Structure formats: structure tokens, C-alpha cells
PDB file of N, CA and C in Angstrom:
ATOM      1  N   MET A   1     -63.840 -15.720 -41.930  1.00  0.00           N
ATOM      2  CA  MET A   1     -63.907 -15.447 -40.497  1.00  0.00           C
ATOM      3  C   MET A   1     -62.649 -15.977 -39.784  1.00  0.00           C
ATOM      4  N   PHE A   2     -62.218 -17.149 -40.133  1.00  0.00           N
ATOM      5  CA  PHE A   2     -61.078 -17.730 -39.435  1.00  0.00           C
ATOM      6  C   PHE A   2     -59.765 -17.034 -39.799  1.00  0.00           C
ATOM      7  N   GLY A   3     -59.766 -16.299 -40.924  1.00  0.00           N
ATOM      8  CA  GLY A   3     -58.560 -15.569 -41.315  1.00  0.00           C
ATOM      9  C   GLY A   3     -58.141 -14.499 -40.330  1.00  0.00           C
ATOM     10  N   LEU A   4     -59.081 -13.956 -39.572  1.00  0.00           N
ATOM     11  CA  LEU A   4     -58.749 -12.929 -38.588  1.00  0.00           C
ATOM     12  C   LEU A   4     -57.885 -13.445 -37.459  1.00  0.00           C
ATOM     13  N   PHE A   5     -57.959 -14.765 -37.170  1.00  0.00           N
ATOM     14  CA  PHE A   5     -57.244 -15.356 -36.113  1.00  0.00           C
ATOM     15  C   PHE A   5     -56.010 -16.117 -36.589  1.00  0.00           C
ATOM     16  N   ARG A   6     -55.714 -15.988 -37.852  1.00  0.00           N
ATOM     17  CA  ARG A   6     -54.546 -16.663 -38.429  1.00  0.00           C
ATOM     18  C   ARG A   6     -53.247 -16.047 -37.894  1.00  0.00           C
ATOM     19  N   ARG A   7     -52.286 -16.873 -37.650  1.00  0.00           N
ATOM     20  CA  ARG A   7     -50.982 -16.389 -37.209  1.00  0.00           C
ATOM     21  C   ARG A   7     -50.170 -15.876 -38.404  1.00  0.00           C
ATOM     22  N   GLN A   8     -49.300 -14.947 -38.137  1.00  0.00           N
ATOM     23  CA  GLN A   8     -48.460 -14.374 -39.210  1.00  0.00           C
ATOM     24  C   GLN A   8     -47.464 -15.442 -39.683  1.00  0.00           C
ATOM     25  N   ASP A   9     -47.146 -15.430 -40.953  1.00  0.00           N
ATOM     26  CA  ASP A   9     -46.140 -16.288 -41.518  1.00  0.00           C
ATOM     27  C   ASP A   9     -44.835 -16.060 -40.748  1.00  0.00           C
ATOM     28  N   PRO A  10     -44.143 -17.181 -40.360  1.00  0.00           N
ATOM     29  CA  PRO A  10     -42.925 -17.017 -39.557  1.00  0.00           C
ATOM     30  C   PRO A  10     -41.753 -16.316 -40.265  1.00  0.00           C
ATOM     31  N   ARG A  11     -41.901 -16.100 -41.570  1.00  0.00           N
ATOM     32  CA  ARG A  11     -40.843 -15.374 -42.317  1.00  0.00           C
ATOM     33  C   ARG A  11     -41.085 -13.897 -42.389  1.00  0.00           C
ATOM     34  N   PHE A  12     -42.184 -13.424 -41.745  1.00  0.00           N
ATOM     35  CA  PHE A  12     -42.562 -12.001 -41.733  1.00  0.00           C
ATOM     36  C   PHE A  12     -42.767 -11.538 -40.297  1.00  0.00           C
ATOM     37  N   ARG A  13     -42.590 -10.205 -40.108  1.00  0.00           N
ATOM     38  CA  ARG A  13     -42.925  -9.601 -38.840  1.00  0.00           C
ATOM     39  C   ARG A  13     -43.863  -8.436 -39.102  1.00  0.00           C
ATOM     40  N   ASP A  14     -44.867  -8.307 -38.219  1.00  0.00           N
ATOM     41  CA  ASP A  14     -45.803  -7.232 -38.316  1.00  0.00           C
ATOM     42  C   ASP A  14     -45.240  -6.041 -37.513  1.00  0.00           C
ATOM     43  N   ASP A  15     -45.167  -4.863 -38.149  1.00  0.00           N
ATOM     44  CA  ASP A  15     -44.601  -3.686 -37.474  1.00  0.00           C
ATOM     45  C   ASP A  15     -45.563  -2.506 -37.745  1.00  0.00           C
ATOM     46  N   GLY A  16     -46.690  -2.474 -37.090  1.00  0.00           N
ATOM     47  CA  GLY A  16     -47.651  -1.380 -37.299  1.00  0.00           C
ATOM     48  C   GLY A  16     -48.200  -1.351 -38.708  1.00  0.00           C
ATOM     49  N   ASN A  17     -47.888  -0.343 -39.484  1.00  0.00           N
ATOM     50  CA  ASN A  17     -48.374  -0.208 -40.840  1.00  0.00           C
ATOM     51  C   ASN A  17     -47.463  -0.907 -41.856  1.00  0.00           C
ATOM     52  N   PHE A  18     -46.528  -1.722 -41.385  1.00  0.00           N
ATOM     53  CA  PHE A  18     -45.593  -2.381 -42.309  1.00  0.00           C
ATOM     54  C   PHE A  18     -45.464  -3.861 -42.017  1.00  0.00           C
ATOM     55  N   LEU A  19     -45.084  -4.613 -43.052  1.00  0.00           N
ATOM     56  CA  LEU A  19     -44.687  -6.013 -42.930  1.00  0.00           C
ATOM     57  C   LEU A  19     -43.189  -6.034 -43.213  1.00  0.00           C
ATOM     58  N   LEU A  20     -42.418  -6.639 -42.324  1.00  0.00           N
ATOM     59  CA  LEU A  20     -40.977  -6.756 -42.490  1.00  0.00           C
ATOM     60  C   LEU A  20     -40.583  -8.146 -42.857  1.00  0.00           C
ATOM     61  N   THR A  21     -39.602  -8.283 -43.711  1.00  0.00           N
ATOM     62  CA  THR A  21     -39.028  -9.579 -44.037  1.00  0.00           C
ATOM     63  C   THR A  21     -37.601  -9.378 -44.552  1.00  0.00           C
ATOM     64  N   GLN A  22     -36.923 -10.494 -44.718  1.00  0.00           N
ATOM     65  CA  GLN A  22     -35.603 -10.502 -45.315  1.00  0.00           C
ATOM     66  C   GLN A  22     -35.496 -11.552 -46.406  1.00  0.00           C
ATOM     67  N   VAL A  23     -34.815 -11.209 -47.490  1.00  0.00           N
ATOM     68  CA  VAL A  23     -34.654 -12.119 -48.640  1.00  0.00           C
ATOM     69  C   VAL A  23     -33.143 -12.354 -48.825  1.00  0.00           C
ATOM     70  N   ARG A  24     -32.790 -13.621 -48.981  1.00  0.00           N
ATOM     71  CA  ARG A  24     -31.418 -14.002 -49.267  1.00  0.00           C
ATOM     72  C   ARG A  24     -31.375 -14.299 -50.763  1.00  0.00           C
ATOM     73  N   THR A  25     -30.491 -13.587 -51.505  1.00  0.00           N
ATOM     74  CA  THR A  25     -30.439 -13.753 -52.939  1.00  0.00           C
ATOM     75  C   THR A  25     -29.817 -15.106 -53.279  1.00  0.00           C
ATOM     76  N   ALA A  26     -30.257 -15.672 -54.401  1.00  0.00           N
ATOM     77  CA  ALA A  26     -29.743 -16.987 -54.823  1.00  0.00           C
ATOM     78  C   ALA A  26     -28.325 -16.893 -55.369  1.00  0.00           C
ATOM     79  N   ARG A  27     -28.002 -15.803 -56.001  1.00  0.00           N
ATOM     80  CA  ARG A  27     -26.722 -15.706 -56.676  1.00  0.00           C
ATOM     81  C   ARG A  27     -25.522 -15.577 -55.721  1.00  0.00           C
ATOM     82  N   HIS A  28     -25.581 -14.578 -54.818  1.00  0.00           N
ATOM     83  CA  HIS A  28     -24.449 -14.368 -53.919  1.00  0.00           C
ATOM     84  C   HIS A  28     -24.803 -14.511 -52.431  1.00  0.00           C
ATOM     85  N   GLY A  29     -26.038 -14.804 -52.123  1.00  0.00           N
ATOM     86  CA  GLY A  29     -26.447 -15.009 -50.718  1.00  0.00           C
ATOM     87  C   GLY A  29     -26.575 -13.684 -49.941  1.00  0.00           C
ATOM     88  N   GLU A  30     -26.662 -12.580 -50.630  1.00  0.00           N
ATOM     89  CA  GLU A  30     -26.772 -11.263 -49.942  1.00  0.00           C
ATOM     90  C   GLU A  30     -28.148 -11.159 -49.290  1.00  0.00           C
ATOM     91  N   ILE A  31     -28.215 -10.597 -48.092  1.00  0.00           N
ATOM     92  CA  ILE A  31     -29.454 -10.385 -47.398  1.00  0.00           C
ATOM     93  C   ILE A  31     -30.000  -8.993 -47.753  1.00  0.00           C
ATOM     94  N   ILE A  32     -31.293  -8.941 -48.187  1.00  0.00           N
ATOM     95  CA  ILE A  32     -31.951  -7.709 -48.521  1.00  0.00           C
ATOM     96  C   ILE A  32     -33.080  -7.507 -47.520  1.00  0.00           C
ATOM     97  N   HIS A  33     -33.046  -6.402 -46.773  1.00  0.00           N
ATOM     98  CA  HIS A  33     -34.102  -6.086 -45.823  1.00  0.00           C
ATOM     99  C   HIS A  33     -35.278  -5.442 -46.562  1.00  0.00           C
ATOM    100  N   VAL A  34     -36.466  -5.957 -46.335  1.00  0.00           N
ATOM    101  CA  VAL A  34     -37.673  -5.518 -47.047  1.00  0.00           C
ATOM    102  C   VAL A  34     -38.698  -4.969 -46.084  1.00  0.00           C
ATOM    103  N   ARG A  35     -39.286  -3.821 -46.453  1.00  0.00           N
ATOM    104  CA  ARG A  35     -40.345  -3.212 -45.640  1.00  0.00           C
ATOM    105  C   ARG A  35     -41.473  -2.957 -46.600  1.00  0.00           C
ATOM    106  N   LEU A  36     -42.611  -3.626 -46.388  1.00  0.00           N
ATOM    107  CA  LEU A  36     -43.802  -3.493 -47.233  1.00  0.00           C
ATOM    108  C   LEU A  36     -44.854  -2.648 -46.493  1.00  0.00           C
ATOM    109  N   SER A  37     -45.258  -1.569 -47.090  1.00  0.00           N
ATOM    110  CA  SER A  37     -46.292  -0.705 -46.480  1.00  0.00           C
ATOM    111  C   SER A  37     -47.687  -1.326 -46.719  1.00  0.00           C
ATOM    112  N   LYS A  38     -48.452  -1.453 -45.639  1.00  0.00           N
ATOM    113  CA  LYS A  38     -49.777  -2.014 -45.757  1.00  0.00           C
ATOM    114  C   LYS A  38     -50.761  -1.037 -46.402  1.00  0.00           C
ATOM    115  N   THR A  39     -50.419   0.264 -46.348  1.00  0.00           N
ATOM    116  CA  THR A  39     -51.353   1.244 -46.867  1.00  0.00           C
ATOM    117  C   THR A  39     -51.045   1.738 -48.274  1.00  0.00           C
ATOM    118  N   SER A  40     -49.794   1.886 -48.629  1.00  0.00           N
ATOM    119  CA  SER A  40     -49.498   2.484 -49.943  1.00  0.00           C
ATOM    120  C   SER A  40     -48.980   1.506 -50.973  1.00  0.00           C
ATOM    121  N   GLU A  41     -48.408   0.385 -50.614  1.00  0.00           N
ATOM    122  CA  GLU A  41     -47.845  -0.531 -51.571  1.00  0.00           C
ATOM    123  C   GLU A  41     -48.735  -1.679 -52.012  1.00  0.00           C
ATOM    124  N   MET A  42     -49.699  -2.052 -51.144  1.00  0.00           N
ATOM    125  CA  MET A  42     -50.523  -3.192 -51.421  1.00  0.00           C
ATOM    126  C   MET A  42     -51.776  -2.834 -52.177  1.00  0.00           C
ATOM    127  N   SER A  43     -52.120  -3.654 -53.155  1.00  0.00           N
ATOM    128  CA  SER A  43     -53.331  -3.464 -53.965  1.00  0.00           C
ATOM    129  C   SER A  43     -54.398  -4.415 -53.508  1.00  0.00           C
ATOM    130  N   ALA A  44     -55.626  -3.964 -53.439  1.00  0.00           N
ATOM    131  CA  ALA A  44     -56.772  -4.818 -53.087  1.00  0.00           C
ATOM    132  C   ALA A  44     -56.945  -5.868 -54.168  1.00  0.00           C
ATOM    133  N   GLN A  45     -57.121  -7.112 -53.752  1.00  0.00           N
ATOM    134  CA  GLN A  45     -57.305  -8.220 -54.706  1.00  0.00           C
ATOM    135  C   GLN A  45     -58.170  -9.305 -54.055  1.00  0.00           C
ATOM    136  N   GLY A  46     -59.382  -9.472 -54.556  1.00  0.00           N
ATOM    137  CA  GLY A  46     -60.267 -10.520 -53.976  1.00  0.00           C
ATOM    138  C   GLY A  46     -60.550 -10.219 -52.530  1.00  0.00           C
ATOM    139  N   ASN A  47     -60.244 -11.154 -51.656  1.00  0.00           N
ATOM    140  CA  ASN A  47     -60.511 -11.027 -50.234  1.00  0.00           C
ATOM    141  C   ASN A  47     -59.261 -10.628 -49.446  1.00  0.00           C
ATOM    142  N   GLY A  48     -58.338  -9.901 -50.090  1.00  0.00           N
ATOM    143  CA  GLY A  48     -57.121  -9.491 -49.407  1.00  0.00           C
ATOM    144  C   GLY A  48     -56.335  -8.494 -50.215  1.00  0.00           C
ATOM    145  N   TYR A  49     -55.017  -8.594 -50.097  1.00  0.00           N
ATOM    146  CA  TYR A  49     -54.123  -7.627 -50.769  1.00  0.00           C
ATOM    147  C   TYR A  49     -52.988  -8.350 -51.442  1.00  0.00           C
ATOM    148  N   PHE A  50     -52.357  -7.659 -52.437  1.00  0.00           N
ATOM    149  CA  PHE A  50     -51.246  -8.233 -53.195  1.00  0.00           C
ATOM    150  C   PHE A  50     -50.198  -7.153 -53.440  1.00  0.00           C
ATOM    151  N   VAL A  51     -48.950  -7.552 -53.392  1.00  0.00           N
ATOM    152  CA  VAL A  51     -47.828  -6.673 -53.753  1.00  0.00           C
ATOM    153  C   VAL A  51     -46.742  -7.458 -54.434  1.00  0.00           C
ATOM    154  N   ARG A  52     -46.146  -6.836 -55.453  1.00  0.00           N
ATOM    155  CA  ARG A  52     -45.018  -7.403 -56.174  1.00  0.00           C
ATOM    156  C   ARG A  52     -43.913  -6.385 -56.121  1.00  0.00           C
ATOM    157  N   LYS A  53     -42.766  -6.762 -55.591  1.00  0.00           N
ATOM    158  CA  LYS A  53     -41.676  -5.838 -55.376  1.00  0.00           C
ATOM    159  C   LYS A  53     -40.372  -6.396 -55.965  1.00  0.00           C
ATOM    160  N   VAL A  54     -39.728  -5.600 -56.818  1.00  0.00           N
ATOM    161  CA  VAL A  54     -38.417  -6.020 -57.370  1.00  0.00           C
ATOM    162  C   VAL A  54     -37.369  -5.490 -56.396  1.00  0.00           C
ATOM    163  N   LEU A  55     -36.498  -6.409 -55.982  1.00  0.00           N
ATOM    164  CA  LEU A  55     -35.470  -6.080 -54.998  1.00  0.00           C
ATOM    165  C   LEU A  55     -34.091  -6.152 -55.666  1.00  0.00           C
ATOM    166  N   VAL A  56     -33.216  -5.220 -55.238  1.00  0.00           N
ATOM    167  CA  VAL A  56     -31.840  -5.200 -55.723  1.00  0.00           C
ATOM    168  C   VAL A  56     -30.906  -5.107 -54.521  1.00  0.00           C
ATOM    169  N   GLY A  57     -29.993  -6.044 -54.400  1.00  0.00           N
ATOM    170  CA  GLY A  57     -29.023  -6.012 -53.309  1.00  0.00           C
ATOM    171  C   GLY A  57     -28.089  -4.828 -53.438  1.00  0.00           C
ATOM    172  N   PRO A  58     -27.897  -4.076 -52.390  1.00  0.00           N
ATOM    173  CA  PRO A  58     -27.067  -2.882 -52.443  1.00  0.00           C
ATOM    174  C   PRO A  58     -25.565  -3.157 -52.697  1.00  0.00           C
ATOM    175  N   ASP A  59     -25.085  -4.322 -52.302  1.00  0.00           N
ATOM    176  CA  ASP A  59     -23.649  -4.596 -52.489  1.00  0.00           C
ATOM    177  C   ASP A  59     -23.361  -5.368 -53.768  1.00  0.00           C
ATOM    178  N   SER A  60     -24.087  -6.433 -54.003  1.00  0.00           N
ATOM    179  CA  SER A  60     -23.811  -7.304 -55.171  1.00  0.00           C
ATOM    180  C   SER A  60     -24.665  -6.964 -56.379  1.00  0.00           C
ATOM    181  N   LEU A  61     -25.699  -6.134 -56.216  1.00  0.00           N
ATOM    182  CA  LEU A  61     -26.658  -5.782 -57.226  1.00  0.00           C
ATOM    183  C   LEU A  61     -27.440  -7.024 -57.733  1.00  0.00           C
ATOM    184  N   ASP A  62     -27.480  -8.075 -56.893  1.00  0.00           N
ATOM    185  CA  ASP A  62     -28.332  -9.254 -57.183  1.00  0.00           C
ATOM    186  C   ASP A  62     -29.786  -8.783 -57.210  1.00  0.00           C
ATOM    187  N   GLN A  63     -30.567  -9.408 -58.082  1.00  0.00           N
ATOM    188  CA  GLN A  63     -31.996  -9.082 -58.154  1.00  0.00           C
ATOM    189  C   GLN A  63     -32.859 -10.236 -57.721  1.00  0.00           C
ATOM    190  N   ALA A  64     -33.964  -9.900 -57.107  1.00  0.00           N
ATOM    191  CA  ALA A  64     -34.983 -10.914 -56.696  1.00  0.00           C
ATOM    192  C   ALA A  64     -36.347 -10.208 -56.822  1.00  0.00           C
ATOM    193  N   VAL A  65     -37.347 -11.017 -57.073  1.00  0.00           N
ATOM    194  CA  VAL A  65     -38.727 -10.490 -57.150  1.00  0.00           C
ATOM    195  C   VAL A  65     -39.545 -11.163 -56.068  1.00  0.00           C
ATOM    196  N   LEU A  66     -40.138 -10.348 -55.197  1.00  0.00           N
ATOM    197  CA  LEU A  66     -40.953 -10.820 -54.091  1.00  0.00           C
ATOM    198  C   LEU A  66     -42.435 -10.551 -54.406  1.00  0.00           C
ATOM    199  N   GLU A  67     -43.259 -11.590 -54.306  1.00  0.00           N
ATOM    200  CA  GLU A  67     -44.690 -11.451 -54.494  1.00  0.00           C
ATOM    201  C   GLU A  67     -45.390 -11.927 -53.203  1.00  0.00           C
ATOM    202  N   VAL A  68     -46.219 -11.088 -52.622  1.00  0.00           N
ATOM    203  CA  VAL A  68     -46.883 -11.408 -51.350  1.00  0.00           C
ATOM    204  C   VAL A  68     -48.374 -11.207 -51.485  1.00  0.00           C
ATOM    205  N   THR A  69     -49.140 -12.217 -51.011  1.00  0.00           N
ATOM    206  CA  THR A  69     -50.590 -12.107 -50.926  1.00  0.00           C
ATOM    207  C   THR A  69     -50.983 -12.231 -49.463  1.00  0.00           C
ATOM    208  N   THR A  70     -51.859 -11.313 -49.038  1.00  0.00           N
ATOM    209  CA  THR A  70     -52.326 -11.363 -47.631  1.00  0.00           C
ATOM    210  C   THR A  70     -53.851 -11.392 -47.590  1.00  0.00           C
ATOM    211  N   ASN A  71     -54.388 -11.708 -46.426  1.00  0.00           N
ATOM    212  CA  ASN A  71     -55.835 -11.617 -46.224  1.00  0.00           C
ATOM    213  C   ASN A  71     -56.152 -10.181 -45.806  1.00  0.00           C
ATOM    214  N   ARG A  72     -57.401  -9.908 -45.517  1.00  0.00           N
ATOM    215  CA  ARG A  72     -57.787  -8.532 -45.154  1.00  0.00           C
ATOM    216  C   ARG A  72     -57.163  -8.042 -43.857  1.00  0.00           C
ATOM    217  N   ALA A  73     -56.768  -8.962 -42.993  1.00  0.00           N
ATOM    218  CA  ALA A  73     -56.070  -8.621 -41.734  1.00  0.00           C
ATOM    219  C   ALA A  73     -54.561  -8.502 -41.937  1.00  0.00           C
ATOM    220  N   HIS A  74     -54.106  -8.530 -43.168  1.00  0.00           N
ATOM    221  CA  HIS A  74     -52.696  -8.398 -43.522  1.00  0.00           C
ATOM    222  C   HIS A  74     -51.837  -9.536 -42.990  1.00  0.00           C
ATOM    223  N   LYS A  75     -52.415 -10.741 -42.890  1.00  0.00           N
ATOM    224  CA  LYS A  75     -51.651 -11.942 -42.542  1.00  0.00           C
ATOM    225  C   LYS A  75     -51.256 -12.598 -43.855  1.00  0.00           C
ATOM    226  N   VAL A  76     -50.013 -12.946 -44.004  1.00  0.00           N
ATOM    227  CA  VAL A  76     -49.509 -13.458 -45.256  1.00  0.00           C
ATOM    228  C   VAL A  76     -50.109 -14.839 -45.537  1.00  0.00           C
ATOM    229  N   THR A  77     -50.706 -15.002 -46.727  1.00  0.00           N
ATOM    230  CA  THR A  77     -51.265 -16.293 -47.108  1.00  0.00           C
ATOM    231  C   THR A  77     -50.366 -16.964 -48.154  1.00  0.00           C
ATOM    232  N   LEU A  78     -49.623 -16.182 -48.924  1.00  0.00           N
ATOM    233  CA  LEU A  78     -48.738 -16.717 -49.926  1.00  0.00           C
ATOM    234  C   LEU A  78     -47.586 -15.762 -50.166  1.00  0.00           C
ATOM    235  N   ALA A  79     -46.357 -16.278 -50.176  1.00  0.00           N
ATOM    236  CA  ALA A  79     -45.169 -15.481 -50.458  1.00  0.00           C
ATOM    237  C   ALA A  79     -44.258 -16.253 -51.331  1.00  0.00           C
ATOM    238  N   VAL A  80     -43.849 -15.657 -52.456  1.00  0.00           N
ATOM    239  CA  VAL A  80     -43.010 -16.308 -53.451  1.00  0.00           C
ATOM    240  C   VAL A  80     -41.861 -15.387 -53.802  1.00  0.00           C
ATOM    241  N   VAL A  81     -40.650 -15.928 -53.868  1.00  0.00           N
ATOM    242  CA  VAL A  81     -39.460 -15.141 -54.244  1.00  0.00           C
ATOM    243  C   VAL A  81     -38.826 -15.816 -55.452  1.00  0.00           C
ATOM    244  N   ASP A  82     -38.641 -15.033 -56.513  1.00  0.00           N
ATOM    245  CA  ASP A  82     -37.905 -15.475 -57.697  1.00  0.00           C
ATOM    246  C   ASP A  82     -36.508 -14.888 -57.633  1.00  0.00           C
ATOM    247  N   GLY A  83     -35.508 -15.740 -57.550  1.00  0.00           N
ATOM    248  CA  GLY A  83     -34.142 -15.238 -57.484  1.00  0.00           C
ATOM    249  C   GLY A  83     -33.618 -15.184 -56.063  1.00  0.00           C
ATOM    250  N   GLY A  84     -34.292 -15.872 -55.144  1.00  0.00           N
ATOM    251  CA  GLY A  84     -33.832 -15.847 -53.752  1.00  0.00           C
ATOM    252  C   GLY A  84     -34.786 -16.665 -52.881  1.00  0.00           C
ATOM    253  N   GLU A  85     -34.648 -16.490 -51.574  1.00  0.00           N
ATOM    254  CA  GLU A  85     -35.502 -17.167 -50.599  1.00  0.00           C
ATOM    255  C   GLU A  85     -35.769 -16.272 -49.404  1.00  0.00           C
ATOM    256  N   LEU A  86     -36.896 -16.441 -48.789  1.00  0.00           N
ATOM    257  CA  LEU A  86     -37.209 -15.730 -47.558  1.00  0.00           C
ATOM    258  C   LEU A  86     -36.478 -16.310 -46.398  1.00  0.00           C
ATOM    259  N   VAL A  87     -35.992 -15.450 -45.503  1.00  0.00           N
ATOM    260  CA  VAL A  87     -35.261 -15.860 -44.313  1.00  0.00           C
ATOM    261  C   VAL A  87     -36.273 -15.875 -43.123  1.00  0.00           C
ATOM    262  N   PRO A  88     -36.376 -17.020 -42.407  1.00  0.00           N
ATOM    263  CA  PRO A  88     -37.244 -17.005 -41.245  1.00  0.00           C
ATOM    264  C   PRO A  88     -36.863 -15.931 -40.246  1.00  0.00           C
ATOM    265  N   ALA A  89     -37.873 -15.282 -39.645  1.00  0.00           N
ATOM    266  CA  ALA A  89     -37.624 -14.145 -38.727  1.00  0.00           C
ATOM    267  C   ALA A  89     -36.723 -14.566 -37.544  1.00  0.00           C
ATOM    268  N   ARG A  90     -36.806 -15.781 -37.088  1.00  0.00           N
ATOM    269  CA  ARG A  90     -35.956 -16.191 -35.947  1.00  0.00           C
ATOM    270  C   ARG A  90     -34.461 -16.219 -36.285  1.00  0.00           C
ATOM    271  N   GLN A  91     -34.161 -16.210 -37.589  1.00  0.00           N
ATOM    272  CA  GLN A  91     -32.732 -16.224 -38.031  1.00  0.00           C
ATOM    273  C   GLN A  91     -32.202 -14.825 -38.309  1.00  0.00           C
ATOM    274  N   TRP A  92     -33.050 -13.803 -38.184  1.00  0.00           N
ATOM    275  CA  TRP A  92     -32.575 -12.463 -38.459  1.00  0.00           C
ATOM    276  C   TRP A  92     -31.599 -12.014 -37.347  1.00  0.00           C
ATOM    277  N   GLU A  93     -30.652 -11.230 -37.756  1.00  0.00           N
ATOM    278  CA  GLU A  93     -29.686 -10.684 -36.767  1.00  0.00           C
ATOM    279  C   GLU A  93     -30.352  -9.485 -36.119  1.00  0.00           C
ATOM    280  N   ALA A  94     -30.028  -9.261 -34.878  1.00  0.00           N
ATOM    281  CA  ALA A  94     -30.647  -8.134 -34.117  1.00  0.00           C
ATOM    282  C   ALA A  94     -30.145  -6.797 -34.615  1.00  0.00           C
TER     283      ALA A  94
END
């Protein structure tokens, strides 16, 4: 019940049917813009959803793997990046 009133993780932005985030690669520090579809990319798992996405930087070809778990209201409960780090939304460039 309390999950419905949970705030979104500060490293993500809610944009209608999508979750937006940015990943900085560990190798060269390249920023990769990520858009996760709430309807087509996420798989139902337990009391929420899960997605695993392999990311490739367009300039440096750095790779990172993003795994996101959300509750039923699509609020991020766990986010892990292998090969990089999530950038807080307040640090994104306009």
C-alpha cells in the first residue's frame, strides 16, 4: 500500500509511459541517455517489474548493463549498473 506514495528515485524521471535516466560509463565517462518503456520493455516480477538493458556508448562504444526493479506504480526500488554509474537527474544538462 505504501508503495503507491513512494517518491521516484532521484536518478530517474517519470515521462508518461517511460522512465528516463542517464548512465556515465566507467571506462571513458561517456553519458548514455536511457529511455525505458513501462509497457513493452518491463517484465512482471513478483509485486512489480524488472528490466535489464545492455547499453553501448555511441562515441566510445563503452558498454554498461542497467538492471532496474520497480513496484507496480513504476517507482524504482532498485537500480544497478555494471560498467558505469547512474547520474542524478538534477545534474542532467537541459
